[in-house]
């Protein structure tokens, strides 16, 4: 079904709570009429979806409101460079909907829908009409995992796994728990921020978590809170419900221009997350994905924001690592001085690169490691230039 032909409104009911979704940005009342048609062009290219709860968090009198910026398109997205698959995830795709980049971890892209669409999403290609990377049938993925005993971690992602029906999610959890070497199941989800009644009002889902998250084989929620204002009282109750259902919670998010690229905001987010039992895990450098240039923060500036944020709060609020999730692995930024950027492989696609330390010349304008020059005389690699200037083709 073509995106423009899909129903533009939708109501989901979790228990007694009705959450109304909207796909047509022209139906969002807070957007001035003169902007609606222009933004509709952006939404035709990069999908828009939101709901009445999340839209209510926006201060519509503030054109720079961070929640607005997180979910409402901007025209600059259409003139931004980049690639849809900036980290070449297709290269580690071993079957439809199955990615295997690191030895112990497999990703199952088991859903092609999100509760809403963050404007800086690095997998926006999955939500386009011609995408074929996700699948509702994960039987091939389950067989692959069963045949690879080194796989101890499975990450359910997509799209958002918590938008699947409870029955289908239970089937997935049950199938994974039938594979003895799978010890950790991770669920990557922004539903605790976008539509928290998914957990609050579904006792069957909570019971499934209590069943399949066991003392020796835990389920982890990899939550995705980007700004402290997403941590409403109801969202905190949802995280509490995960915890009481036996789920271990952690948070990961990118550093995004206009949303959390402020040390005070980032420190506030990290501290609140530690207080509610969902401590920070990764802070990602934004990927050079098509349409994402308006949301990018230079690496050097991002490092200083991150370091300033870490000066506040307890140790539990300071656990995040600042990483560049590159095609070759997760490259952690460990230090920057007046002339150099120091990084190391936190995770590596090539096992010989594990823990490898690298030094680059400082470049205050660089947004991605491919733009950095190795320090002369070291074995630090020069990565091929990213194709950030290749614009994604627009709709026909």
Protein backbone atom coordinates (compact mmCIF):
# COMPACT_ATOMS: atom_id res chain seq x y z
CA UNK A 1 0.00 0.00 0.00
CA UNK A 2 1.42 3.38 -0.93
CA UNK A 3 2.07 5.69 1.99
CA UNK A 4 -0.14 8.47 0.64
CA UNK A 5 -3.03 6.00 0.31
CA UNK A 6 -2.92 4.86 3.94
CA UNK A 7 -5.53 6.04 6.47
CA UNK A 8 -4.28 9.33 7.88
CA UNK A 9 -5.73 8.90 11.37
CA UNK A 10 -5.86 5.90 13.67
CA UNK A 11 -6.91 5.14 17.24
CA UNK A 12 -5.20 2.50 19.35
CA UNK A 13 -6.75 1.30 22.59
CA UNK A 14 -4.55 -0.16 25.31
CA UNK A 15 -6.89 -1.21 28.10
CA UNK A 16 -9.12 1.82 28.69
CA UNK A 17 -6.75 4.43 27.25
CA UNK A 18 -7.39 5.68 23.72
CA UNK A 19 -4.42 7.17 21.89
CA UNK A 20 -5.20 8.91 18.64
CA UNK A 21 -2.53 8.79 15.93
CA UNK A 22 -2.23 11.10 12.96
CA UNK A 23 -0.21 10.58 9.77
CA UNK A 24 -1.27 13.70 7.89
CA UNK A 25 0.79 16.60 9.19
CA UNK A 26 -1.79 19.02 7.82
CA UNK A 27 -4.13 17.78 10.56
CA UNK A 28 -1.80 18.86 13.40
CA UNK A 29 -3.53 21.98 14.81
CA UNK A 30 -0.40 23.52 16.33
CA UNK A 31 1.25 24.02 12.93
CA UNK A 32 0.40 27.38 11.28
CA UNK A 33 -1.72 26.93 8.13
CA UNK A 34 0.89 28.61 5.92
CA UNK A 35 3.45 25.94 6.91
CA UNK A 36 1.29 22.84 6.56
CA UNK A 37 1.57 22.28 2.80
CA UNK A 38 5.33 22.91 2.80
CA UNK A 39 5.86 20.43 5.61
CA UNK A 40 3.53 17.94 3.91
CA UNK A 41 6.11 17.76 1.09
CA UNK A 42 8.75 16.74 3.64
CA UNK A 43 6.42 14.16 5.18
CA UNK A 44 5.82 12.67 1.75
CA UNK A 45 9.55 11.99 1.51
CA UNK A 46 10.33 11.08 5.13
CA UNK A 47 7.33 9.66 6.90
CA UNK A 48 5.50 11.53 9.67
CA UNK A 49 3.47 9.95 12.46
CA UNK A 50 2.53 11.20 15.92
CA UNK A 51 -0.21 10.90 18.52
CA UNK A 52 -2.23 13.26 20.66
CA UNK A 53 -0.31 12.42 23.85
CA UNK A 54 3.12 13.19 22.42
CA UNK A 55 1.93 16.27 20.54
CA UNK A 56 0.57 17.59 23.86
CA UNK A 57 4.15 17.79 25.19
CA UNK A 58 5.01 20.50 22.64
CA UNK A 59 5.02 24.17 23.58
CA UNK A 60 3.53 25.47 20.33
CA UNK A 61 4.38 29.07 21.24
CA UNK A 62 8.09 28.18 20.98
CA UNK A 63 9.25 27.56 17.40
CA UNK A 64 12.46 26.02 18.81
CA UNK A 65 10.68 23.70 21.23
CA UNK A 66 12.83 20.52 21.48
CA UNK A 67 9.89 18.10 21.44
CA UNK A 68 8.53 19.85 18.36
CA UNK A 69 11.92 19.58 16.71
CA UNK A 70 12.08 15.89 17.54
CA UNK A 71 8.85 15.02 15.74
CA UNK A 72 7.75 17.82 13.40
CA UNK A 73 9.52 17.94 9.99
CA UNK A 74 11.65 20.82 8.84
CA UNK A 75 12.06 21.87 5.22
CA UNK A 76 15.84 21.59 5.50
CA UNK A 77 15.48 17.81 5.49
CA UNK A 78 14.82 17.91 1.73
CA UNK A 79 18.08 19.72 0.95
CA UNK A 80 20.25 17.67 3.28
CA UNK A 81 22.92 15.29 2.01
CA UNK A 82 23.60 11.77 3.15
CA UNK A 83 22.69 8.18 2.38
CA UNK A 84 19.64 6.26 3.50
CA UNK A 85 21.86 3.40 4.70
CA UNK A 86 24.71 5.49 6.07
CA UNK A 87 26.34 2.60 7.91
CA UNK A 88 25.83 -0.01 5.20
CA UNK A 89 23.62 -2.27 7.31
CA UNK A 90 22.87 -4.28 4.20
CA UNK A 91 26.45 -5.58 4.32
CA UNK A 92 25.73 -7.40 7.61
CA UNK A 93 22.25 -8.58 6.62
CA UNK A 94 22.40 -12.38 6.55
CA UNK A 95 18.73 -12.94 5.82
CA UNK A 96 15.67 -10.75 5.43
CA UNK A 97 15.22 -8.85 8.69
CA UNK A 98 18.37 -10.38 10.24
CA UNK A 99 21.61 -8.48 10.87
CA UNK A 100 24.73 -10.11 12.33
CA UNK A 101 27.58 -7.62 12.77
CA UNK A 102 29.16 -8.63 16.09
CA UNK A 103 29.75 -12.30 16.99
CA UNK A 104 27.50 -12.52 20.04
CA UNK A 105 24.62 -10.28 18.92
CA UNK A 106 21.97 -10.64 16.21
CA UNK A 107 19.38 -8.00 15.31
CA UNK A 108 15.89 -9.06 14.29
CA UNK A 109 14.11 -6.28 12.37
CA UNK A 110 10.69 -7.63 13.24
CA UNK A 111 8.48 -4.58 12.66
CA UNK A 112 8.36 -1.81 10.06
CA UNK A 113 6.30 0.69 12.06
CA UNK A 114 7.22 3.04 14.92
CA UNK A 115 5.00 4.76 17.45
CA UNK A 116 6.15 8.00 15.84
CA UNK A 117 9.02 8.96 13.61
CA UNK A 118 11.97 10.88 15.02
CA UNK A 119 13.15 13.33 12.38
CA UNK A 120 16.80 12.26 12.78
CA UNK A 121 16.06 8.53 12.45
CA UNK A 122 18.95 6.58 10.91
CA UNK A 123 16.65 3.80 9.63
CA UNK A 124 14.05 5.96 7.90
CA UNK A 125 14.58 3.83 4.79
CA UNK A 126 12.64 1.06 6.54
CA UNK A 127 9.49 3.18 6.50
CA UNK A 128 9.53 3.90 2.79
CA UNK A 129 7.16 2.12 0.44
CA UNK A 130 9.80 0.13 -1.44
CA UNK A 131 11.57 -1.19 1.66
CA UNK A 132 11.99 -4.94 1.96
CA UNK A 133 14.44 -5.22 4.87
CA UNK A 134 11.94 -5.99 7.63
CA UNK A 135 9.68 -9.00 7.82
CA UNK A 136 6.78 -10.22 9.91
CA UNK A 137 7.99 -13.80 9.41
CA UNK A 138 11.09 -14.22 11.54
CA UNK A 139 11.31 -18.00 11.12
CA UNK A 140 14.44 -17.67 8.96
CA UNK A 141 16.02 -15.47 11.61
CA UNK A 142 15.17 -17.91 14.38
CA UNK A 143 16.70 -20.76 12.39
CA UNK A 144 19.84 -18.68 11.80
CA UNK A 145 20.18 -17.91 15.52
CA UNK A 146 19.63 -21.56 16.46
CA UNK A 147 22.42 -22.56 14.06
CA UNK A 148 24.90 -20.07 15.60
CA UNK A 149 25.68 -21.06 19.21
CA UNK A 150 27.97 -18.04 19.63
CA UNK A 151 24.89 -15.78 19.61
CA UNK A 152 23.96 -15.01 23.21
CA UNK A 153 22.17 -11.66 22.61
CA UNK A 154 19.21 -10.99 20.33
CA UNK A 155 18.00 -7.44 19.81
CA UNK A 156 14.40 -7.01 18.65
CA UNK A 157 14.21 -3.80 16.68
CA UNK A 158 12.89 -2.35 13.46
CA UNK A 159 10.51 -0.31 13.64
CA UNK A 160 9.34 -0.68 17.19
CA UNK A 161 8.75 -4.23 18.53
CA UNK A 162 6.29 -2.97 21.17
CA UNK A 163 3.89 -1.95 18.40
CA UNK A 164 3.45 -5.61 17.56
CA UNK A 165 0.43 -7.34 19.04
CA UNK A 166 1.02 -8.91 22.42
CA UNK A 167 0.25 -12.35 20.98
CA UNK A 168 2.90 -11.98 18.29
CA UNK A 169 5.49 -10.60 20.71
CA UNK A 170 4.84 -13.49 23.10
CA UNK A 171 5.38 -15.93 20.21
CA UNK A 172 8.74 -14.29 19.47
CA UNK A 173 9.84 -14.38 23.11
CA UNK A 174 8.77 -18.00 23.44
CA UNK A 175 10.68 -19.02 20.32
CA UNK A 176 13.85 -17.27 21.47
CA UNK A 177 13.66 -18.80 24.93
CA UNK A 178 13.53 -22.21 23.25
CA UNK A 179 17.07 -21.59 21.94
CA UNK A 180 19.36 -22.50 24.88
CA UNK A 181 22.32 -20.27 23.96
CA UNK A 182 20.22 -17.08 23.78
CA UNK A 183 20.71 -15.57 27.23
CA UNK A 184 19.70 -11.93 26.68
CA UNK A 185 16.75 -10.60 24.71
CA UNK A 186 16.83 -6.86 24.12
CA UNK A 187 13.83 -4.82 23.01
CA UNK A 188 14.70 -1.49 21.41
CA UNK A 189 11.71 0.80 21.88
CA UNK A 190 10.63 4.41 22.15
CA UNK A 191 7.10 3.47 23.16
CA UNK A 192 7.76 4.41 26.82
CA UNK A 193 8.11 7.98 25.52
CA UNK A 194 5.63 7.92 22.61
CA UNK A 195 2.77 5.70 23.83
CA UNK A 196 3.38 4.53 27.39
CA UNK A 197 -0.06 2.95 27.77
CA UNK A 198 1.28 0.10 25.65
CA UNK A 199 2.84 -1.21 28.85
CA UNK A 200 0.67 0.41 31.52
CA UNK A 201 -2.61 -1.07 30.30
CA UNK A 202 -1.55 -4.50 29.04
CA UNK A 203 -1.46 -7.05 31.84
CA UNK A 204 -0.90 -9.86 29.34
CA UNK A 205 2.29 -8.17 28.15
CA UNK A 206 3.50 -7.66 31.72
CA UNK A 207 2.83 -11.32 32.49
CA UNK A 208 4.85 -12.32 29.41
CA UNK A 209 7.77 -10.24 30.65
CA UNK A 210 7.56 -11.90 34.07
CA UNK A 211 7.57 -15.30 32.35
CA UNK A 212 10.43 -14.80 29.91
CA UNK A 213 12.73 -12.47 31.89
CA UNK A 214 14.25 -14.95 34.31
CA UNK A 215 17.04 -14.63 36.90
CA UNK A 216 19.60 -16.15 34.51
CA UNK A 217 18.13 -15.02 31.18
CA UNK A 218 16.98 -11.41 31.35
CA UNK A 219 15.03 -9.25 28.95
CA UNK A 220 16.42 -5.73 28.57
CA UNK A 221 14.44 -2.69 27.52
CA UNK A 222 16.67 -0.38 25.50
CA UNK A 223 14.58 2.76 25.98
CA UNK A 224 14.97 5.87 23.87
CA UNK A 225 14.38 9.07 25.81
CA UNK A 226 16.02 12.06 24.10
CA UNK A 227 14.94 14.96 26.33
CA UNK A 228 13.97 15.32 30.02
CA UNK A 229 10.47 16.56 29.13
CA UNK A 230 9.67 13.11 27.76
CA UNK A 231 9.98 11.79 31.32
CA UNK A 232 6.44 12.64 32.35
CA UNK A 233 4.85 11.11 35.43
CA UNK A 234 3.05 8.59 33.21
CA UNK A 235 6.29 7.67 31.39
CA UNK A 236 8.01 7.10 34.73
CA UNK A 237 5.12 4.82 35.76
CA UNK A 238 5.64 2.87 32.55
CA UNK A 239 9.34 2.35 33.32
CA UNK A 240 8.37 1.27 36.84
CA UNK A 241 5.99 -1.28 35.32
CA UNK A 242 8.82 -2.70 33.20
CA UNK A 243 11.03 -2.97 36.27
CA UNK A 244 8.32 -4.65 38.33
CA UNK A 245 7.84 -7.14 35.47
CA UNK A 246 11.46 -8.23 35.71
CA UNK A 247 12.84 -6.15 32.84
CA UNK A 248 16.27 -4.51 33.10
CA UNK A 249 16.09 -0.97 31.69
CA UNK A 250 18.73 1.20 30.05
CA UNK A 251 18.57 4.23 27.78
CA UNK A 252 20.36 5.10 24.56
CA UNK A 253 19.92 8.16 22.40
CA UNK A 254 21.76 10.29 19.86
CA UNK A 255 23.10 13.77 20.45
CA UNK A 256 20.77 15.96 18.38
CA UNK A 257 21.04 19.63 17.47
CA UNK A 258 18.25 21.64 19.05
CA UNK A 259 17.07 18.78 21.27
CA UNK A 260 19.75 17.72 23.75
CA UNK A 261 22.96 19.46 22.58
CA UNK A 262 23.16 21.43 25.81
CA UNK A 263 25.21 20.18 28.79
CA UNK A 264 22.52 21.17 31.31
CA UNK A 265 19.79 19.39 29.35
CA UNK A 266 21.88 16.28 28.80
CA UNK A 267 22.94 16.17 32.47
CA UNK A 268 19.31 16.55 33.54
CA UNK A 269 18.31 13.69 31.25
CA UNK A 270 21.10 11.42 32.52
CA UNK A 271 20.32 12.16 36.16
CA UNK A 272 16.58 11.61 35.86
CA UNK A 273 17.17 8.36 33.99
CA UNK A 274 19.42 7.12 36.79
CA UNK A 275 16.80 8.02 39.40
CA UNK A 276 14.04 6.01 37.71
CA UNK A 277 16.12 2.87 37.13
CA UNK A 278 16.82 3.38 33.43
CA UNK A 279 20.44 4.62 33.44
CA UNK A 280 22.19 5.94 30.31
CA UNK A 281 23.96 3.35 28.16
CA UNK A 282 25.08 4.95 24.87
CA UNK A 283 25.12 8.52 23.62
CA UNK A 284 25.42 8.24 19.85
CA UNK A 285 26.97 10.64 17.39
CA UNK A 286 24.22 11.26 14.82
CA UNK A 287 24.70 9.26 11.62
CA UNK A 288 25.03 11.06 8.26
CA UNK A 289 21.73 9.68 7.04
CA UNK A 290 19.78 11.31 4.23
CA UNK A 291 17.75 14.21 5.62
CA UNK A 292 19.63 14.36 8.91
CA UNK A 293 22.02 17.26 8.34
CA UNK A 294 19.78 19.78 10.21
CA UNK A 295 20.17 17.65 13.35
CA UNK A 296 23.93 17.04 13.29
CA UNK A 297 26.36 18.16 16.00
CA UNK A 298 30.12 18.22 15.23
CA UNK A 299 32.12 15.52 17.00
CA UNK A 300 34.32 17.95 18.94
CA UNK A 301 31.41 20.05 20.16
CA UNK A 302 29.51 16.88 21.05
CA UNK A 303 32.44 15.58 23.08
CA UNK A 304 32.63 18.78 25.13
CA UNK A 305 28.86 18.75 25.72
CA UNK A 306 29.09 15.13 26.84
CA UNK A 307 32.03 15.77 29.17
CA UNK A 308 30.34 18.78 30.77
CA UNK A 309 27.18 16.73 31.33
CA UNK A 310 29.21 13.98 33.00
CA UNK A 311 30.52 16.41 35.59
CA UNK A 312 27.08 16.35 37.20
CA UNK A 313 25.22 13.57 38.95
CA UNK A 314 26.23 10.29 40.56
CA UNK A 315 28.19 7.50 38.93
CA UNK A 316 24.98 5.85 37.74
CA UNK A 317 24.15 9.01 35.79
CA UNK A 318 27.60 8.96 34.18
CA UNK A 319 27.70 5.47 32.67
CA UNK A 320 27.06 6.43 29.04
CA UNK A 321 29.72 6.05 26.37
CA UNK A 322 29.94 8.56 23.53
CA UNK A 323 30.17 6.42 20.41
CA UNK A 324 30.16 6.69 16.63
CA UNK A 325 28.17 3.71 15.35
CA UNK A 326 30.21 3.28 12.19
CA UNK A 327 30.01 0.68 9.43
CA UNK A 328 33.15 -0.93 10.90
CA UNK A 329 31.98 -0.94 14.51
CA UNK A 330 31.20 1.21 17.54
CA UNK A 331 34.02 3.73 17.79
CA UNK A 332 34.18 5.32 21.23
CA UNK A 333 35.48 8.88 21.53
CA UNK A 334 37.77 8.72 24.55
CA UNK A 335 39.54 12.10 24.52
CA UNK A 336 40.07 15.31 22.57
CA UNK A 337 42.86 17.81 23.11
CA UNK A 338 43.93 20.94 21.27
CA UNK A 339 45.29 19.02 18.28
CA UNK A 340 43.95 15.47 18.24
CA UNK A 341 40.87 13.27 18.59
CA UNK A 342 41.49 9.94 20.36
CA UNK A 343 39.14 7.02 19.76
CA UNK A 344 39.04 3.27 20.17
CA UNK A 345 36.87 0.43 18.95
CA UNK A 346 34.37 -0.39 21.67
CA UNK A 347 32.85 -3.01 19.35
CA UNK A 348 34.33 -4.05 16.00
CA UNK A 349 33.01 -5.88 12.98
CA UNK A 350 36.52 -7.21 12.35
CA UNK A 351 37.54 -9.05 15.52
CA UNK A 352 41.18 -7.96 15.00
CA UNK A 353 40.08 -4.37 15.63
CA UNK A 354 38.63 -5.01 19.09
CA UNK A 355 39.94 -2.38 21.47
CA UNK A 356 42.11 -0.81 18.74
CA UNK A 357 43.25 2.70 19.66
CA UNK A 358 43.32 5.38 16.94
CA UNK A 359 44.39 9.02 16.70
CA UNK A 360 43.02 11.64 14.31
CA UNK A 361 43.85 15.26 13.68
CA UNK A 362 41.39 17.52 15.42
CA UNK A 363 38.72 18.85 13.06
CA UNK A 364 36.10 21.00 14.73
CA UNK A 365 33.83 20.86 11.67
CA UNK A 366 33.76 17.07 11.24
CA UNK A 367 30.49 15.28 11.96
CA UNK A 368 31.64 11.74 11.12
CA UNK A 369 34.83 9.71 11.46
CA UNK A 370 35.12 9.43 7.67
CA UNK A 371 35.89 13.17 7.61
CA UNK A 372 38.90 12.82 9.94
CA UNK A 373 42.55 12.61 8.92
CA UNK A 374 44.78 10.08 10.72
CA UNK A 375 47.73 11.38 12.70
CA UNK A 376 50.83 10.95 10.55
CA UNK A 377 53.12 8.11 11.55
CA UNK A 378 50.39 6.02 13.24
CA UNK A 379 48.58 2.95 11.96
CA UNK A 380 45.24 4.74 12.31
CA UNK A 381 43.11 4.01 9.24
CA UNK A 382 41.73 6.60 6.86
CA UNK A 383 38.14 5.65 6.18
CA UNK A 384 36.69 6.21 2.69
CA UNK A 385 34.70 9.44 2.45
CA UNK A 386 31.04 9.00 3.27
CA UNK A 387 28.54 9.75 0.53
CA UNK A 388 26.89 12.49 2.56
CA UNK A 389 26.54 14.71 -0.53
CA UNK A 390 24.41 12.19 -2.37
CA UNK A 391 20.84 13.37 -2.04
CA UNK A 392 18.12 10.78 -1.71
CA UNK A 393 15.84 10.78 -4.73
CA UNK A 394 12.52 12.42 -4.07
CA UNK A 395 9.12 10.86 -4.65
CA UNK A 396 8.02 10.29 -8.23
